[in-house]
Amino acid sequence: MTDITAVELKERLTQNTPPVVIDVRETWENEESHIPGSRNIPLGDLPGRLQELEDLHDQEVVVHCKGGSRSAAAKAFLQQQGFTHVRNLIGGFQAYEKA
């Protein structure tokens, strides 16, 4: 699945079936500011918290971090675990704030 722009994500979040958004930044980063409704699972915690995401294997999931590097790693990891519709937020949270 292709990655998603901040403008597209903002539009999708207003629709009837928005994607699940996972913030892979550290908890302190998420506490400072975050996308409303997103789940915070820091990248380093992701392998140990996969059971929280079991029901999302076939749903659209958007992962994001500050700029896009950590979320690219999260996307690759989730795809290896069988998640079929994972998208990375291009430009990360910084792009989301500016959109």
PDB file of N, CA and C in Angstrom:
ATOM      1  N   MET A   1       0.851  -1.184   0.000  1.00  0.00           N
ATOM      2  CA  MET A   1       0.000   0.000   0.000  1.00  0.00           C
ATOM      3  C   MET A   1       0.893   1.242   0.000  1.00  0.00           C
ATOM      4  N   THR A   2       0.484   2.260  -0.744  1.00  0.00           N
ATOM      5  CA  THR A   2       1.288   3.469  -0.845  1.00  0.00           C
ATOM      6  C   THR A   2       1.205   4.289   0.439  1.00  0.00           C
ATOM      7  N   ASP A   3       2.208   5.130   0.625  1.00  0.00           N
ATOM      8  CA  ASP A   3       2.217   6.000   1.794  1.00  0.00           C
ATOM      9  C   ASP A   3       1.176   7.108   1.623  1.00  0.00           C
ATOM     10  N   ILE A   4       0.996   7.911   2.662  1.00  0.00           N
ATOM     11  CA  ILE A   4      -0.083   8.903   2.678  1.00  0.00           C
ATOM     12  C   ILE A   4       0.481  10.279   3.020  1.00  0.00           C
ATOM     13  N   THR A   5      -0.049  11.310   2.381  1.00  0.00           N
ATOM     14  CA  THR A   5       0.369  12.674   2.690  1.00  0.00           C
ATOM     15  C   THR A   5      -0.423  13.186   3.887  1.00  0.00           C
ATOM     16  N   ALA A   6       0.078  14.250   4.484  1.00  0.00           N
ATOM     17  CA  ALA A   6      -0.604  14.850   5.630  1.00  0.00           C
ATOM     18  C   ALA A   6      -1.972  15.397   5.233  1.00  0.00           C
ATOM     19  N   VAL A   7      -2.055  16.017   4.064  1.00  0.00           N
ATOM     20  CA  VAL A   7      -3.331  16.561   3.600  1.00  0.00           C
ATOM     21  C   VAL A   7      -4.338  15.430   3.406  1.00  0.00           C
ATOM     22  N   GLU A   8      -3.899  14.334   2.784  1.00  0.00           N
ATOM     23  CA  GLU A   8      -4.793  13.196   2.573  1.00  0.00           C
ATOM     24  C   GLU A   8      -5.239  12.596   3.900  1.00  0.00           C
ATOM     25  N   LEU A   9      -4.311  12.473   4.860  1.00  0.00           N
ATOM     26  CA  LEU A   9      -4.672  11.908   6.160  1.00  0.00           C
ATOM     27  C   LEU A   9      -5.701  12.787   6.864  1.00  0.00           C
ATOM     28  N   LYS A  10      -5.485  14.089   6.862  1.00  0.00           N
ATOM     29  CA  LYS A  10      -6.453  14.977   7.521  1.00  0.00           C
ATOM     30  C   LYS A  10      -7.843  14.810   6.910  1.00  0.00           C
ATOM     31  N   GLU A  11      -7.900  14.676   5.602  1.00  0.00           N
ATOM     32  CA  GLU A  11      -9.183  14.468   4.929  1.00  0.00           C
ATOM     33  C   GLU A  11      -9.789  13.123   5.322  1.00  0.00           C
ATOM     34  N   ARG A  12      -8.969  12.075   5.325  1.00  0.00           N
ATOM     35  CA  ARG A  12      -9.451  10.727   5.665  1.00  0.00           C
ATOM     36  C   ARG A  12      -9.962  10.650   7.092  1.00  0.00           C
ATOM     37  N   LEU A  13      -9.365  11.406   8.001  1.00  0.00           N
ATOM     38  CA  LEU A  13      -9.778  11.358   9.409  1.00  0.00           C
ATOM     39  C   LEU A  13     -11.159  11.943   9.626  1.00  0.00           C
ATOM     40  N   THR A  14     -11.685  12.679   8.647  1.00  0.00           N
ATOM     41  CA  THR A  14     -13.024  13.247   8.779  1.00  0.00           C
ATOM     42  C   THR A  14     -14.090  12.351   8.158  1.00  0.00           C
ATOM     43  N   GLN A  15     -13.683  11.277   7.512  1.00  0.00           N
ATOM     44  CA  GLN A  15     -14.623  10.393   6.835  1.00  0.00           C
ATOM     45  C   GLN A  15     -15.190   9.343   7.785  1.00  0.00           C
ATOM     46  N   ASN A  16     -16.205   8.620   7.299  1.00  0.00           N
ATOM     47  CA  ASN A  16     -16.884   7.613   8.112  1.00  0.00           C
ATOM     48  C   ASN A  16     -15.989   6.455   8.520  1.00  0.00           C
ATOM     49  N   THR A  17     -15.040   6.088   7.686  1.00  0.00           N
ATOM     50  CA  THR A  17     -14.138   4.969   7.995  1.00  0.00           C
ATOM     51  C   THR A  17     -12.693   5.453   7.971  1.00  0.00           C
ATOM     52  N   PRO A  18     -12.295   6.205   9.005  1.00  0.00           N
ATOM     53  CA  PRO A  18     -10.921   6.705   9.032  1.00  0.00           C
ATOM     54  C   PRO A  18      -9.929   5.572   9.308  1.00  0.00           C
ATOM     55  N   PRO A  19      -8.675   5.753   8.900  1.00  0.00           N
ATOM     56  CA  PRO A  19      -7.670   4.745   9.212  1.00  0.00           C
ATOM     57  C   PRO A  19      -7.315   4.787  10.698  1.00  0.00           C
ATOM     58  N   VAL A  20      -6.732   3.712  11.186  1.00  0.00           N
ATOM     59  CA  VAL A  20      -6.185   3.680  12.542  1.00  0.00           C
ATOM     60  C   VAL A  20      -4.817   4.344  12.472  1.00  0.00           C
ATOM     61  N   VAL A  21      -4.553   5.321  13.334  1.00  0.00           N
ATOM     62  CA  VAL A  21      -3.284   6.041  13.324  1.00  0.00           C
ATOM     63  C   VAL A  21      -2.465   5.612  14.537  1.00  0.00           C
ATOM     64  N   ILE A  22      -1.231   5.181  14.269  1.00  0.00           N
ATOM     65  CA  ILE A  22      -0.326   4.768  15.344  1.00  0.00           C
ATOM     66  C   ILE A  22       0.885   5.694  15.341  1.00  0.00           C
ATOM     67  N   ASP A  23       1.094   6.343  16.461  1.00  0.00           N
ATOM     68  CA  ASP A  23       2.211   7.259  16.669  1.00  0.00           C
ATOM     69  C   ASP A  23       3.356   6.457  17.277  1.00  0.00           C
ATOM     70  N   VAL A  24       4.448   6.300  16.530  1.00  0.00           N
ATOM     71  CA  VAL A  24       5.574   5.497  17.032  1.00  0.00           C
ATOM     72  C   VAL A  24       6.665   6.356  17.676  1.00  0.00           C
ATOM     73  N   ARG A  25       6.330   7.622  17.942  1.00  0.00           N
ATOM     74  CA  ARG A  25       7.269   8.480  18.670  1.00  0.00           C
ATOM     75  C   ARG A  25       7.304   8.061  20.141  1.00  0.00           C
ATOM     76  N   GLU A  26       8.265   8.584  20.862  1.00  0.00           N
ATOM     77  CA  GLU A  26       8.345   8.316  22.297  1.00  0.00           C
ATOM     78  C   GLU A  26       7.149   8.944  23.010  1.00  0.00           C
ATOM     79  N   THR A  27       6.816   8.416  24.167  1.00  0.00           N
ATOM     80  CA  THR A  27       5.649   8.879  24.915  1.00  0.00           C
ATOM     81  C   THR A  27       5.710  10.378  25.181  1.00  0.00           C
ATOM     82  N   TRP A  28       6.887  10.879  25.551  1.00  0.00           N
ATOM     83  CA  TRP A  28       6.992  12.308  25.846  1.00  0.00           C
ATOM     84  C   TRP A  28       6.707  13.159  24.610  1.00  0.00           C
ATOM     85  N   GLU A  29       7.060  12.675  23.427  1.00  0.00           N
ATOM     86  CA  GLU A  29       6.775  13.413  22.192  1.00  0.00           C
ATOM     87  C   GLU A  29       5.265  13.454  21.950  1.00  0.00           C
ATOM     88  N   ASN A  30       4.630  12.322  22.168  1.00  0.00           N
ATOM     89  CA  ASN A  30       3.182  12.216  21.985  1.00  0.00           C
ATOM     90  C   ASN A  30       2.438  13.097  22.973  1.00  0.00           C
ATOM     91  N   GLU A  31       2.941  13.179  24.197  1.00  0.00           N
ATOM     92  CA  GLU A  31       2.281  13.986  25.224  1.00  0.00           C
ATOM     93  C   GLU A  31       2.339  15.474  24.891  1.00  0.00           C
ATOM     94  N   GLU A  32       3.400  15.895  24.188  1.00  0.00           N
ATOM     95  CA  GLU A  32       3.526  17.306  23.809  1.00  0.00           C
ATOM     96  C   GLU A  32       2.479  17.702  22.781  1.00  0.00           C
ATOM     97  N   SER A  33       2.246  16.826  21.814  1.00  0.00           N
ATOM     98  CA  SER A  33       1.262  17.078  20.779  1.00  0.00           C
ATOM     99  C   SER A  33       1.063  15.803  19.978  1.00  0.00           C
ATOM    100  N   HIS A  34      -0.158  15.578  19.503  1.00  0.00           N
ATOM    101  CA  HIS A  34      -0.432  14.340  18.783  1.00  0.00           C
ATOM    102  C   HIS A  34      -1.643  14.499  17.861  1.00  0.00           C
ATOM    103  N   ILE A  35      -1.795  13.551  16.977  1.00  0.00           N
ATOM    104  CA  ILE A  35      -2.960  13.522  16.100  1.00  0.00           C
ATOM    105  C   ILE A  35      -4.130  12.992  16.926  1.00  0.00           C
ATOM    106  N   PRO A  36      -5.212  13.732  16.990  1.00  0.00           N
ATOM    107  CA  PRO A  36      -6.362  13.278  17.794  1.00  0.00           C
ATOM    108  C   PRO A  36      -6.810  11.867  17.392  1.00  0.00           C
ATOM    109  N   GLY A  37      -7.017  11.038  18.410  1.00  0.00           N
ATOM    110  CA  GLY A  37      -7.476   9.681  18.184  1.00  0.00           C
ATOM    111  C   GLY A  37      -6.378   8.666  17.886  1.00  0.00           C
ATOM    112  N   SER A  38      -5.139   9.135  17.794  1.00  0.00           N
ATOM    113  CA  SER A  38      -4.045   8.198  17.490  1.00  0.00           C
ATOM    114  C   SER A  38      -3.659   7.386  18.726  1.00  0.00           C
ATOM    115  N   ARG A  39      -3.067   6.227  18.466  1.00  0.00           N
ATOM    116  CA  ARG A  39      -2.547   5.371  19.543  1.00  0.00           C
ATOM    117  C   ARG A  39      -1.043   5.585  19.611  1.00  0.00           C
ATOM    118  N   ASN A  40      -0.507   5.719  20.810  1.00  0.00           N
ATOM    119  CA  ASN A  40       0.938   5.884  20.963  1.00  0.00           C
ATOM    120  C   ASN A  40       1.575   4.555  21.351  1.00  0.00           C
ATOM    121  N   ILE A  41       2.377   4.018  20.441  1.00  0.00           N
ATOM    122  CA  ILE A  41       3.168   2.822  20.702  1.00  0.00           C
ATOM    123  C   ILE A  41       4.574   3.123  20.187  1.00  0.00           C
ATOM    124  N   PRO A  42       5.489   3.538  21.075  1.00  0.00           N
ATOM    125  CA  PRO A  42       6.841   3.863  20.631  1.00  0.00           C
ATOM    126  C   PRO A  42       7.471   2.712  19.836  1.00  0.00           C
ATOM    127  N   LEU A  43       8.267   3.071  18.839  1.00  0.00           N
ATOM    128  CA  LEU A  43       8.858   2.074  17.953  1.00  0.00           C
ATOM    129  C   LEU A  43       9.551   0.957  18.723  1.00  0.00           C
ATOM    130  N   GLY A  44      10.293   1.275  19.753  1.00  0.00           N
ATOM    131  CA  GLY A  44      10.994   0.260  20.529  1.00  0.00           C
ATOM    132  C   GLY A  44      10.066  -0.688  21.278  1.00  0.00           C
ATOM    133  N   ASP A  45       8.848  -0.248  21.536  1.00  0.00           N
ATOM    134  CA  ASP A  45       7.863  -1.072  22.242  1.00  0.00           C
ATOM    135  C   ASP A  45       6.997  -1.904  21.304  1.00  0.00           C
ATOM    136  N   LEU A  46       7.050  -1.592  20.013  1.00  0.00           N
ATOM    137  CA  LEU A  46       6.134  -2.211  19.055  1.00  0.00           C
ATOM    138  C   LEU A  46       6.170  -3.741  19.059  1.00  0.00           C
ATOM    139  N   PRO A  47       7.350  -4.376  19.018  1.00  0.00           N
ATOM    140  CA  PRO A  47       7.355  -5.844  19.015  1.00  0.00           C
ATOM    141  C   PRO A  47       6.656  -6.464  20.228  1.00  0.00           C
ATOM    142  N   GLY A  48       6.808  -5.859  21.391  1.00  0.00           N
ATOM    143  CA  GLY A  48       6.202  -6.388  22.605  1.00  0.00           C
ATOM    144  C   GLY A  48       4.733  -6.052  22.771  1.00  0.00           C
ATOM    145  N   ARG A  49       4.218  -5.180  21.907  1.00  0.00           N
ATOM    146  CA  ARG A  49       2.820  -4.761  22.040  1.00  0.00           C
ATOM    147  C   ARG A  49       1.971  -5.147  20.828  1.00  0.00           C
ATOM    148  N   LEU A  50       2.470  -6.070  20.017  1.00  0.00           N
ATOM    149  CA  LEU A  50       1.736  -6.505  18.825  1.00  0.00           C
ATOM    150  C   LEU A  50       0.342  -7.034  19.137  1.00  0.00           C
ATOM    151  N   GLN A  51       0.179  -7.661  20.305  1.00  0.00           N
ATOM    152  CA  GLN A  51      -1.121  -8.225  20.657  1.00  0.00           C
ATOM    153  C   GLN A  51      -2.190  -7.138  20.707  1.00  0.00           C
ATOM    154  N   GLU A  52      -1.812  -5.883  20.969  1.00  0.00           N
ATOM    155  CA  GLU A  52      -2.770  -4.783  20.986  1.00  0.00           C
ATOM    156  C   GLU A  52      -3.310  -4.468  19.589  1.00  0.00           C
ATOM    157  N   LEU A  53      -2.606  -4.936  18.573  1.00  0.00           N
ATOM    158  CA  LEU A  53      -2.951  -4.606  17.192  1.00  0.00           C
ATOM    159  C   LEU A  53      -3.496  -5.788  16.405  1.00  0.00           C
ATOM    160  N   GLU A  54      -3.707  -6.906  17.067  1.00  0.00           N
ATOM    161  CA  GLU A  54      -4.120  -8.141  16.385  1.00  0.00           C
ATOM    162  C   GLU A  54      -5.357  -7.962  15.513  1.00  0.00           C
ATOM    163  N   ASP A  55      -6.284  -7.138  15.945  1.00  0.00           N
ATOM    164  CA  ASP A  55      -7.526  -6.959  15.184  1.00  0.00           C
ATOM    165  C   ASP A  55      -7.364  -6.032  13.978  1.00  0.00           C
ATOM    166  N   LEU A  56      -6.146  -5.541  13.744  1.00  0.00           N
ATOM    167  CA  LEU A  56      -5.917  -4.574  12.669  1.00  0.00           C
ATOM    168  C   LEU A  56      -5.199  -5.151  11.453  1.00  0.00           C
ATOM    169  N   HIS A  57      -4.971  -6.463  11.415  1.00  0.00           N
ATOM    170  CA  HIS A  57      -4.194  -7.070  10.329  1.00  0.00           C
ATOM    171  C   HIS A  57      -4.697  -6.700   8.939  1.00  0.00           C
ATOM    172  N   ASP A  58      -6.013  -6.567   8.757  1.00  0.00           N
ATOM    173  CA  ASP A  58      -6.568  -6.286   7.438  1.00  0.00           C
ATOM    174  C   ASP A  58      -7.201  -4.897   7.339  1.00  0.00           C
ATOM    175  N   GLN A  59      -6.963  -4.065   8.344  1.00  0.00           N
ATOM    176  CA  GLN A  59      -7.497  -2.705   8.322  1.00  0.00           C
ATOM    177  C   GLN A  59      -6.412  -1.729   7.879  1.00  0.00           C
ATOM    178  N   GLU A  60      -6.832  -0.568   7.423  1.00  0.00           N
ATOM    179  CA  GLU A  60      -5.864   0.464   7.053  1.00  0.00           C
ATOM    180  C   GLU A  60      -5.254   1.055   8.325  1.00  0.00           C
ATOM    181  N   VAL A  61      -3.935   1.014   8.387  1.00  0.00           N
ATOM    182  CA  VAL A  61      -3.182   1.541   9.521  1.00  0.00           C
ATOM    183  C   VAL A  61      -2.193   2.570   8.984  1.00  0.00           C
ATOM    184  N   VAL A  62      -2.163   3.750   9.584  1.00  0.00           N
ATOM    185  CA  VAL A  62      -1.188   4.776   9.234  1.00  0.00           C
ATOM    186  C   VAL A  62      -0.240   4.923  10.413  1.00  0.00           C
ATOM    187  N   VAL A  63       1.048   4.763  10.165  1.00  0.00           N
ATOM    188  CA  VAL A  63       2.050   4.955  11.208  1.00  0.00           C
ATOM    189  C   VAL A  63       2.755   6.290  10.964  1.00  0.00           C
ATOM    190  N   HIS A  64       3.112   6.947  12.065  1.00  0.00           N
ATOM    191  CA  HIS A  64       3.836   8.216  11.921  1.00  0.00           C
ATOM    192  C   HIS A  64       4.798   8.413  13.076  1.00  0.00           C
ATOM    193  N   CYS A  65       5.802   9.235  12.803  1.00  0.00           N
ATOM    194  CA  CYS A  65       6.740   9.675  13.829  1.00  0.00           C
ATOM    195  C   CYS A  65       6.946  11.172  13.607  1.00  0.00           C
ATOM    196  N   LYS A  66       8.066  11.706  13.996  1.00  0.00           N
ATOM    197  CA  LYS A  66       8.303  13.137  13.833  1.00  0.00           C
ATOM    198  C   LYS A  66       8.512  13.508  12.371  1.00  0.00           C
ATOM    199  N   GLY A  67       9.396  12.760  11.683  1.00  0.00           N
ATOM    200  CA  GLY A  67       9.733  13.119  10.316  1.00  0.00           C
ATOM    201  C   GLY A  67       9.548  12.026   9.288  1.00  0.00           C
ATOM    202  N   GLY A  68       9.367  10.784   9.719  1.00  0.00           N
ATOM    203  CA  GLY A  68       9.107   9.699   8.788  1.00  0.00           C
ATOM    204  C   GLY A  68      10.050   8.515   8.841  1.00  0.00           C
ATOM    205  N   SER A  69      11.196   8.636   9.516  1.00  0.00           N
ATOM    206  CA  SER A  69      12.165   7.533   9.543  1.00  0.00           C
ATOM    207  C   SER A  69      11.731   6.385  10.452  1.00  0.00           C
ATOM    208  N   ARG A  70      11.353   6.703  11.671  1.00  0.00           N
ATOM    209  CA  ARG A  70      10.932   5.643  12.592  1.00  0.00           C
ATOM    210  C   ARG A  70       9.671   4.957  12.094  1.00  0.00           C
ATOM    211  N   SER A  71       8.770   5.737  11.525  1.00  0.00           N
ATOM    212  CA  SER A  71       7.526   5.137  11.034  1.00  0.00           C
ATOM    213  C   SER A  71       7.774   4.277   9.798  1.00  0.00           C
ATOM    214  N   ALA A  72       8.787   4.588   9.016  1.00  0.00           N
ATOM    215  CA  ALA A  72       9.132   3.716   7.881  1.00  0.00           C
ATOM    216  C   ALA A  72       9.592   2.356   8.407  1.00  0.00           C
ATOM    217  N   ALA A  73      10.357   2.361   9.496  1.00  0.00           N
ATOM    218  CA  ALA A  73      10.789   1.103  10.119  1.00  0.00           C
ATOM    219  C   ALA A  73       9.583   0.371  10.710  1.00  0.00           C
ATOM    220  N   ALA A  74       8.660   1.108  11.319  1.00  0.00           N
ATOM    221  CA  ALA A  74       7.450   0.496  11.882  1.00  0.00           C
ATOM    222  C   ALA A  74       6.596  -0.121  10.784  1.00  0.00           C
ATOM    223  N   LYS A  75       6.463   0.566   9.673  1.00  0.00           N
ATOM    224  CA  LYS A  75       5.690   0.042   8.542  1.00  0.00           C
ATOM    225  C   LYS A  75       6.282  -1.280   8.071  1.00  0.00           C
ATOM    226  N   ALA A  76       7.603  -1.304   7.873  1.00  0.00           N
ATOM    227  CA  ALA A  76       8.268  -2.528   7.407  1.00  0.00           C
ATOM    228  C   ALA A  76       8.072  -3.661   8.411  1.00  0.00           C
ATOM    229  N   PHE A  77       8.193  -3.364   9.699  1.00  0.00           N
ATOM    230  CA  PHE A  77       8.015  -4.386  10.734  1.00  0.00           C
ATOM    231  C   PHE A  77       6.591  -4.943  10.714  1.00  0.00           C
ATOM    232  N   LEU A  78       5.612  -4.053  10.663  1.00  0.00           N
ATOM    233  CA  LEU A  78       4.219  -4.507  10.668  1.00  0.00           C
ATOM    234  C   LEU A  78       3.903  -5.330   9.424  1.00  0.00           C
ATOM    235  N   GLN A  79       4.444  -4.950   8.292  1.00  0.00           N
ATOM    236  CA  GLN A  79       4.233  -5.739   7.076  1.00  0.00           C
ATOM    237  C   GLN A  79       4.837  -7.135   7.226  1.00  0.00           C
ATOM    238  N   GLN A  80       5.995  -7.222   7.864  1.00  0.00           N
ATOM    239  CA  GLN A  80       6.622  -8.528   8.109  1.00  0.00           C
ATOM    240  C   GLN A  80       5.762  -9.380   9.034  1.00  0.00           C
ATOM    241  N   GLN A  81       4.958  -8.728   9.867  1.00  0.00           N
ATOM    242  CA  GLN A  81       4.098  -9.447  10.813  1.00  0.00           C
ATOM    243  C   GLN A  81       2.730  -9.773  10.213  1.00  0.00           C
ATOM    244  N   GLY A  82       2.542  -9.474   8.935  1.00  0.00           N
ATOM    245  CA  GLY A  82       1.313  -9.851   8.261  1.00  0.00           C
ATOM    246  C   GLY A  82       0.258  -8.763   8.130  1.00  0.00           C
ATOM    247  N   PHE A  83       0.580  -7.534   8.509  1.00  0.00           N
ATOM    248  CA  PHE A  83      -0.365  -6.432   8.335  1.00  0.00           C
ATOM    249  C   PHE A  83      -0.367  -6.058   6.855  1.00  0.00           C
ATOM    250  N   THR A  84      -1.560  -5.990   6.264  1.00  0.00           N
ATOM    251  CA  THR A  84      -1.644  -5.865   4.806  1.00  0.00           C
ATOM    252  C   THR A  84      -1.896  -4.452   4.289  1.00  0.00           C
ATOM    253  N   HIS A  85      -2.340  -3.541   5.151  1.00  0.00           N
ATOM    254  CA  HIS A  85      -2.680  -2.190   4.689  1.00  0.00           C
ATOM    255  C   HIS A  85      -2.013  -1.125   5.557  1.00  0.00           C
ATOM    256  N   VAL A  86      -0.683  -1.146   5.607  1.00  0.00           N
ATOM    257  CA  VAL A  86       0.053  -0.193   6.432  1.00  0.00           C
ATOM    258  C   VAL A  86       0.583   0.928   5.540  1.00  0.00           C
ATOM    259  N   ARG A  87       0.381   2.156   5.994  1.00  0.00           N
ATOM    260  CA  ARG A  87       0.863   3.326   5.259  1.00  0.00           C
ATOM    261  C   ARG A  87       1.698   4.189   6.195  1.00  0.00           C
ATOM    262  N   ASN A  88       2.729   4.816   5.653  1.00  0.00           N
ATOM    263  CA  ASN A  88       3.582   5.722   6.405  1.00  0.00           C
ATOM    264  C   ASN A  88       3.139   7.147   6.097  1.00  0.00           C
ATOM    265  N   LEU A  89       3.050   7.997   7.115  1.00  0.00           N
ATOM    266  CA  LEU A  89       2.722   9.406   6.920  1.00  0.00           C
ATOM    267  C   LEU A  89       3.963  10.118   6.391  1.00  0.00           C
ATOM    268  N   ILE A  90       3.908  10.553   5.140  1.00  0.00           N
ATOM    269  CA  ILE A  90       5.050  11.218   4.501  1.00  0.00           C
ATOM    270  C   ILE A  90       5.344  12.524   5.230  1.00  0.00           C
ATOM    271  N   GLY A  91       6.586  12.683   5.688  1.00  0.00           N
ATOM    272  CA  GLY A  91       6.976  13.890   6.404  1.00  0.00           C
ATOM    273  C   GLY A  91       6.634  13.884   7.876  1.00  0.00           C
ATOM    274  N   GLY A  92       5.949  12.823   8.320  1.00  0.00           N
ATOM    275  CA  GLY A  92       5.646  12.648   9.730  1.00  0.00           C
ATOM    276  C   GLY A  92       4.758  13.721  10.333  1.00  0.00           C
ATOM    277  N   PHE A  93       4.848  13.814  11.650  1.00  0.00           N
ATOM    278  CA  PHE A  93       4.014  14.746  12.404  1.00  0.00           C
ATOM    279  C   PHE A  93       4.324  16.195  12.031  1.00  0.00           C
ATOM    280  N   GLN A  94       5.574  16.474  11.649  1.00  0.00           N
ATOM    281  CA  GLN A  94       5.928  17.822  11.239  1.00  0.00           C
ATOM    282  C   GLN A  94       5.093  18.249  10.027  1.00  0.00           C
ATOM    283  N   ALA A  95       4.925  17.348   9.068  1.00  0.00           N
ATOM    284  CA  ALA A  95       4.099  17.650   7.894  1.00  0.00           C
ATOM    285  C   ALA A  95       2.635  17.787   8.294  1.00  0.00           C
ATOM    286  N   TYR A  96       2.172  16.956   9.203  1.00  0.00           N
ATOM    287  CA  TYR A  96       0.775  16.993   9.643  1.00  0.00           C
ATOM    288  C   TYR A  96       0.450  18.346  10.278  1.00  0.00           C
ATOM    289  N   GLU A  97       1.362  18.845  11.108  1.00  0.00           N
ATOM    290  CA  GLU A  97       1.137  20.137  11.768  1.00  0.00           C
ATOM    291  C   GLU A  97       1.053  21.287  10.770  1.00  0.00           C
ATOM    292  N   LYS A  98       1.776  21.175   9.666  1.00  0.00           N
ATOM    293  CA  LYS A  98       1.810  22.261   8.672  1.00  0.00           C
ATOM    294  C   LYS A  98       0.675  22.162   7.660  1.00  0.00           C
ATOM    295  N   ALA A  99       0.052  20.993   7.569  1.00  0.00           N
ATOM    296  CA  ALA A  99      -0.990  20.799   6.544  1.00  0.00           C
ATOM    297  C   ALA A  99      -2.295  21.480   6.908  1.00  0.00           C
TER     298      ALA A  99
END
